[in-house]
Amino acid sequence: MPESIPIAATDAQIAAVTFNEDGLVPAIVQEQGTGQVLMMAWMNADSLRTSLETGRTWFWSRSRQEYWCKGETSGDRQYIREAYYDCDGDTLLFVVEQEGKGACHTGNYSCFFTAFGPEAESGAEPAAEPAAGD
């Protein structure tokens, strides 16, 4: 089992993050080693701090209006290895060690499995029943 490693962010670094009118910022999750983009979810200031303090990804569910820790229901946990904010401070990037079957609630490894374009073939069928909470 991977180890949770907290990231010691400063108050100034947290203050550099720009949250939208709903108090949220998009968080992109990328797999360590492969660089594959796994998912995007929303964070507020509390879920950002909790993610950094615990070394696990915590998000804010806009539909359920609650916090969720990735993988607590499905077992497909994410362990943060690096964390960044972009040049404008309005997007986060988490490099993670992905545990389990992957990041997508559909059962696919990545949420980005459907391409645009006439020749695009996703080759992936969504799972019948998404895992609750992920």
Protein backbone atom coordinates (compact mmCIF):
# COMPACT_ATOMS: atom_id res chain seq x y z
CA MET A 1 0.00 0.00 0.00
CA PRO A 2 1.37 3.43 -0.91
CA GLU A 3 2.25 5.84 1.86
CA SER A 4 0.55 9.21 2.44
CA ILE A 5 3.15 11.97 2.43
CA PRO A 6 1.98 15.45 3.48
CA ILE A 7 3.15 18.46 1.47
CA ALA A 8 4.09 21.48 3.59
CA ALA A 9 2.59 24.42 1.73
CA THR A 10 2.98 27.92 3.14
CA ASP A 11 0.12 30.31 3.82
CA ALA A 12 1.50 32.53 1.04
CA GLN A 13 1.33 29.65 -1.44
CA ILE A 14 -2.28 28.88 -0.48
CA ALA A 15 -3.11 32.61 -0.74
CA ALA A 16 -1.71 32.63 -4.31
CA VAL A 17 -4.52 30.30 -5.42
CA THR A 18 -7.44 32.11 -7.06
CA PHE A 19 -10.83 30.55 -6.39
CA ASN A 20 -13.83 31.28 -8.65
CA GLU A 21 -17.07 32.98 -7.58
CA ASP A 22 -18.22 29.67 -6.05
CA GLY A 23 -15.02 29.39 -4.00
CA LEU A 24 -13.67 26.58 -6.20
CA VAL A 25 -10.58 25.91 -8.29
CA PRO A 26 -10.12 23.14 -10.89
CA ALA A 27 -7.66 20.43 -9.87
CA ILE A 28 -6.08 18.28 -12.55
CA VAL A 29 -4.75 14.90 -11.45
CA GLN A 30 -1.85 13.34 -13.35
CA GLU A 31 -0.26 9.94 -12.84
CA GLN A 32 3.30 9.84 -11.56
CA GLY A 33 5.65 8.04 -13.91
CA THR A 34 3.42 7.98 -17.00
CA GLY A 35 2.27 11.60 -17.02
CA GLN A 36 -1.23 10.45 -18.00
CA VAL A 37 -3.97 12.90 -17.05
CA LEU A 38 -6.39 10.92 -14.90
CA MET A 39 -9.14 13.33 -13.94
CA MET A 40 -10.26 16.85 -13.10
CA ALA A 41 -12.30 17.73 -10.05
CA TRP A 42 -13.03 20.81 -7.97
CA MET A 43 -11.37 21.92 -4.74
CA ASN A 44 -12.18 24.68 -2.32
CA ALA A 45 -9.70 26.12 0.18
CA ASP A 46 -10.50 23.48 2.80
CA SER A 47 -10.16 20.51 0.45
CA LEU A 48 -6.89 21.95 -0.90
CA ARG A 49 -5.46 22.28 2.61
CA THR A 50 -6.71 18.82 3.60
CA SER A 51 -5.19 17.29 0.46
CA LEU A 52 -1.81 18.84 1.17
CA GLU A 53 -1.92 18.01 4.90
CA THR A 54 -2.94 14.37 4.40
CA GLY A 55 -1.14 13.55 1.15
CA ARG A 56 -4.40 12.22 -0.35
CA THR A 57 -6.70 13.95 -2.85
CA TRP A 58 -9.80 15.55 -1.34
CA PHE A 59 -12.35 17.32 -3.51
CA TRP A 60 -15.59 19.30 -3.26
CA SER A 61 -18.62 17.72 -4.90
CA ARG A 62 -20.73 20.43 -6.51
CA SER A 63 -23.70 18.09 -6.96
CA ARG A 64 -23.68 16.61 -3.45
CA GLN A 65 -22.32 19.75 -1.73
CA GLU A 66 -19.86 17.72 0.33
CA TYR A 67 -16.19 16.78 0.58
CA TRP A 68 -14.96 13.47 -0.76
CA CYS A 69 -11.65 11.70 -0.55
CA LYS A 70 -10.83 9.94 -3.81
CA GLY A 71 -10.99 6.17 -3.37
CA GLU A 72 -12.66 5.93 0.03
CA THR A 73 -15.62 4.14 -1.56
CA SER A 74 -13.99 2.46 -4.57
CA GLY A 75 -10.55 1.70 -3.13
CA ASP A 76 -8.98 3.56 -6.06
CA ARG A 77 -7.01 5.94 -3.86
CA GLN A 78 -4.67 8.71 -4.95
CA TYR A 79 -1.47 9.49 -3.05
CA ILE A 80 -0.09 12.94 -3.80
CA ARG A 81 3.58 12.99 -4.78
CA GLU A 82 3.81 16.57 -6.12
CA ALA A 83 1.45 19.56 -6.10
CA TYR A 84 1.52 22.70 -8.24
CA TYR A 85 -0.50 25.80 -9.00
CA ASP A 86 -0.28 27.46 -12.40
CA CYS A 87 1.12 30.88 -13.35
CA ASP A 88 -2.28 32.56 -12.78
CA GLY A 89 -3.01 30.61 -9.62
CA ASP A 90 -6.36 29.51 -11.03
CA THR A 91 -5.65 25.84 -11.74
CA LEU A 92 -4.05 23.13 -9.60
CA LEU A 93 -2.06 20.09 -10.69
CA PHE A 94 -1.55 17.04 -8.50
CA VAL A 95 0.90 14.32 -9.50
CA VAL A 96 -0.27 11.14 -7.80
CA GLU A 97 0.46 7.51 -7.27
CA GLN A 98 -2.83 5.92 -8.37
CA GLU A 99 -3.95 2.84 -6.48
CA GLY A 100 -6.56 0.34 -7.65
CA LYS A 101 -8.32 0.19 -11.01
CA GLY A 102 -7.90 3.87 -11.87
CA ALA A 103 -9.40 7.30 -11.40
CA CYS A 104 -12.65 7.34 -13.38
CA HIS A 105 -15.99 6.58 -11.75
CA THR A 106 -17.02 4.81 -14.98
CA GLY A 107 -14.47 2.07 -14.41
CA ASN A 108 -11.96 3.42 -16.95
CA TYR A 109 -8.43 4.13 -15.75
CA SER A 110 -8.59 7.79 -16.82
CA CYS A 111 -11.62 10.03 -17.19
CA PHE A 112 -10.14 11.17 -20.52
CA PHE A 113 -10.88 8.17 -22.72
CA THR A 114 -13.20 9.75 -25.30
CA ALA A 115 -11.54 11.60 -28.18
CA PHE A 116 -12.92 14.18 -30.61
CA GLY A 117 -12.71 13.72 -34.37
CA PRO A 118 -14.12 11.51 -37.12
CA GLU A 119 -11.45 8.82 -36.75
CA ALA A 120 -11.54 8.86 -32.94
CA GLU A 121 -12.26 5.55 -31.30
CA SER A 122 -12.34 5.48 -27.53
CA GLY A 123 -12.19 1.71 -27.36
CA ALA A 124 -13.52 1.90 -23.83
CA GLU A 125 -17.00 1.21 -22.63
CA PRO A 126 -18.16 2.89 -19.43
CA ALA A 127 -18.84 0.54 -16.54
CA ALA A 128 -22.51 -0.14 -15.88
CA GLU A 129 -22.57 1.34 -12.38
CA PRO A 130 -20.23 4.14 -11.22
CA ALA A 131 -18.80 3.82 -7.70
CA ALA A 132 -20.67 6.01 -5.24
CA GLY A 133 -18.71 9.02 -4.02
CA ASP A 134 -15.97 8.87 -6.65
